[in-house]
N, C-alpha and C. Protein backbone atom coordinates (compact mmCIF):
# COMPACT_ATOMS: atom_id res chain seq x y z
N UNK A 1 100.29 60.98 61.20
CA UNK A 1 99.42 62.35 61.94
C UNK A 1 100.87 62.82 63.04
N UNK A 2 99.86 63.82 63.95
CA UNK A 2 100.70 64.29 65.15
C UNK A 2 100.82 63.53 65.94
N UNK A 3 101.76 63.39 66.47
CA UNK A 3 101.69 62.92 67.92
C UNK A 3 101.30 63.79 68.95
N UNK A 4 99.99 62.98 69.94
CA UNK A 4 100.40 63.44 71.17
C UNK A 4 100.69 64.22 71.60
N UNK A 5 101.93 64.42 71.86
CA UNK A 5 102.55 65.48 72.34
C UNK A 5 102.97 66.71 72.27
N UNK A 6 102.84 66.69 70.80
CA UNK A 6 102.74 67.99 69.82
C UNK A 6 101.61 68.60 70.13
N UNK A 7 100.51 68.33 70.61
CA UNK A 7 99.23 69.15 70.58
C UNK A 7 99.31 69.65 71.34
N UNK A 8 97.89 70.55 71.41
CA UNK A 8 97.40 71.27 73.04
C UNK A 8 96.57 70.84 73.50
N UNK A 9 96.68 69.33 73.87
CA UNK A 9 95.27 68.94 74.02
C UNK A 9 96.23 68.51 75.62
N UNK A 10 95.59 68.69 77.07
CA UNK A 10 96.04 68.00 78.19
C UNK A 10 96.15 66.98 78.14
N UNK A 11 97.69 66.46 78.98
CA UNK A 11 97.76 64.94 79.18
C UNK A 11 97.46 64.58 80.56
N UNK A 12 97.03 63.24 80.70
CA UNK A 12 96.46 63.17 81.92
C UNK A 12 97.94 61.64 82.44
N UNK A 13 97.68 61.62 83.58
CA UNK A 13 98.42 60.18 84.15
C UNK A 13 97.28 59.06 83.66
N UNK A 14 97.80 58.18 83.30
CA UNK A 14 97.00 56.85 82.80
C UNK A 14 95.84 56.60 84.66
N UNK A 15 96.87 56.54 85.67
CA UNK A 15 95.79 57.02 86.58
C UNK A 15 95.87 57.64 87.95
N UNK A 16 94.62 57.73 88.28
CA UNK A 16 94.48 58.89 89.04
C UNK A 16 94.30 58.65 90.50
N UNK A 17 94.97 59.25 91.57
CA UNK A 17 94.20 58.63 93.01
C UNK A 17 92.86 59.11 93.16
N UNK A 18 92.34 59.29 94.29
CA UNK A 18 90.90 60.18 94.63
C UNK A 18 91.72 61.27 95.61
N UNK A 19 92.74 61.13 96.03
CA UNK A 19 93.42 62.36 96.39
C UNK A 19 94.06 63.31 95.75
N UNK A 20 94.93 62.89 94.35
CA UNK A 20 95.13 63.65 93.84
C UNK A 20 93.84 64.41 93.11
N UNK A 21 93.36 63.39 92.82
CA UNK A 21 91.70 64.29 92.23
C UNK A 21 90.66 65.28 92.76
N UNK A 22 90.94 65.41 94.69
CA UNK A 22 90.76 65.90 95.44
C UNK A 22 91.44 67.08 95.37
N UNK A 23 92.91 66.61 95.28
CA UNK A 23 94.15 67.60 95.70
C UNK A 23 93.98 68.50 94.36
N UNK A 24 93.92 68.25 93.69
CA UNK A 24 94.31 69.60 92.31
C UNK A 24 93.14 69.61 91.33
N UNK A 25 91.87 69.19 91.59
CA UNK A 25 91.08 69.30 90.78
C UNK A 25 89.87 69.44 91.10
N UNK A 26 89.15 69.92 92.58
CA UNK A 26 88.09 70.25 93.32
C UNK A 26 88.62 72.01 93.18
N UNK A 27 87.30 72.66 92.49
CA UNK A 27 87.39 73.98 92.65
C UNK A 27 87.57 74.68 94.00
N UNK A 28 88.19 75.60 94.04
CA UNK A 28 88.57 76.56 95.58
C UNK A 28 87.01 77.23 95.24
N UNK A 29 86.54 78.17 96.18
CA UNK A 29 85.35 78.57 96.64
C UNK A 29 85.53 80.85 95.76
N UNK A 30 86.45 80.56 95.66
CA UNK A 30 86.85 81.68 94.33
C UNK A 30 87.36 81.22 93.05
N UNK A 31 87.31 80.35 92.80
CA UNK A 31 87.14 79.47 90.95
C UNK A 31 85.64 79.35 90.80
N UNK A 32 84.69 78.74 92.12
CA UNK A 32 83.31 78.93 91.64
C UNK A 32 82.95 79.92 91.77
N UNK A 33 82.83 80.93 91.97
CA UNK A 33 82.41 82.32 92.41
C UNK A 33 82.95 82.60 90.94
N UNK A 34 83.92 82.40 90.41
CA UNK A 34 84.14 83.27 89.07
C UNK A 34 83.74 82.89 88.06
N UNK A 35 83.56 81.45 87.80
CA UNK A 35 82.98 80.50 86.91
C UNK A 35 81.42 81.26 87.34
N UNK A 36 80.54 80.96 87.98
CA UNK A 36 79.31 81.65 88.60
C UNK A 36 79.31 83.19 87.64
N UNK A 37 80.20 84.06 87.97
CA UNK A 37 79.94 85.05 87.48
C UNK A 37 80.25 85.76 85.65
N UNK A 38 80.52 84.12 85.35
CA UNK A 38 81.33 84.69 83.81
C UNK A 38 80.17 83.77 82.75
N UNK A 39 78.86 82.48 83.94
CA UNK A 39 78.29 82.11 83.21
C UNK A 39 76.71 81.84 83.56
N UNK A 40 76.09 81.23 82.91
CA UNK A 40 74.30 81.43 82.54
C UNK A 40 73.77 80.43 83.17
N UNK A 41 74.71 79.23 83.63
CA UNK A 41 73.95 77.90 83.52
C UNK A 41 74.98 76.81 84.86
N UNK A 42 73.78 75.98 85.17
CA UNK A 42 75.06 74.88 85.69
C UNK A 42 75.68 74.28 84.65
N UNK A 43 75.72 73.87 83.76
CA UNK A 43 75.99 73.13 82.66
C UNK A 43 77.49 73.87 82.08
N UNK A 44 77.00 75.29 82.15
CA UNK A 44 78.38 76.43 80.88
C UNK A 44 79.69 75.89 82.83
N UNK A 45 78.39 76.35 84.20
CA UNK A 45 79.51 76.56 84.78
C UNK A 45 80.55 75.21 84.93
N UNK A 46 80.03 74.01 85.10
CA UNK A 46 81.02 72.78 85.37
C UNK A 46 81.99 72.48 84.05
N UNK A 47 81.58 73.04 83.09
CA UNK A 47 82.25 73.35 81.38
C UNK A 47 83.55 73.87 81.46
N UNK A 48 83.24 75.49 82.22
CA UNK A 48 84.19 76.45 82.89
C UNK A 48 84.99 75.85 83.59
N UNK A 49 84.71 75.00 84.37
CA UNK A 49 85.87 75.04 85.94
C UNK A 49 86.14 73.62 85.49
N UNK A 50 86.00 72.62 84.62
CA UNK A 50 86.50 71.37 83.78
C UNK A 50 87.75 71.88 83.04
N UNK A 51 87.35 73.44 82.58
CA UNK A 51 88.83 73.75 81.27
C UNK A 51 89.53 74.10 82.61
N UNK A 52 89.06 75.51 83.25
CA UNK A 52 89.76 75.74 84.16
C UNK A 52 90.65 75.16 84.74
N UNK A 53 90.43 74.33 85.78
CA UNK A 53 91.39 72.75 86.20
C UNK A 53 92.14 72.09 85.47
N UNK A 54 91.30 71.82 84.32
CA UNK A 54 92.93 70.83 83.68
C UNK A 54 93.69 71.58 82.90
N UNK A 55 93.67 72.67 82.56
CA UNK A 55 94.37 73.85 82.22
C UNK A 55 95.17 74.39 83.45
N UNK A 56 95.01 74.61 84.40
CA UNK A 56 95.95 74.86 85.83
C UNK A 56 96.56 73.67 85.83
N UNK A 57 96.21 72.37 85.84
CA UNK A 57 97.25 71.14 86.07
C UNK A 57 98.72 71.23 85.28
N UNK A 58 97.88 71.77 84.04
CA UNK A 58 99.36 71.99 83.31
C UNK A 58 99.93 73.06 83.44
N UNK A 59 99.57 74.43 84.26
CA UNK A 59 100.26 75.58 84.19
C UNK A 59 99.61 76.50 83.10
N UNK A 60 98.40 76.24 82.48
CA UNK A 60 98.15 77.61 80.78
C UNK A 60 97.57 78.67 81.54
N UNK A 61 96.59 78.55 82.12
CA UNK A 61 96.43 79.52 82.71
C UNK A 61 96.43 80.54 83.87
N UNK A 62 97.78 80.66 84.47
CA UNK A 62 98.19 81.20 85.79
C UNK A 62 97.69 82.62 86.10
N UNK A 63 97.60 83.48 85.16
CA UNK A 63 96.69 84.38 85.62
C UNK A 63 95.21 85.04 84.81
N UNK A 64 94.27 83.53 85.41
CA UNK A 64 93.54 83.67 84.49
C UNK A 64 92.06 84.91 84.99
N UNK A 65 92.43 85.30 86.56
CA UNK A 65 91.85 86.49 86.84
C UNK A 65 92.19 87.61 86.28
């Protein structure tokens, strides 16, 4: 079985503080507007923002606009 280090899945710290969650994972107004323009429902917007923010934390989508 492939080790987690060799997969495409983002890895997060085991313990994330509330401050870190707010600082790194709260979407900006621009990011929310971007997601709204590309999705048709609240659930899809949430899913897109989660993918965006988890990927940005790993520096995967530096030019998503």
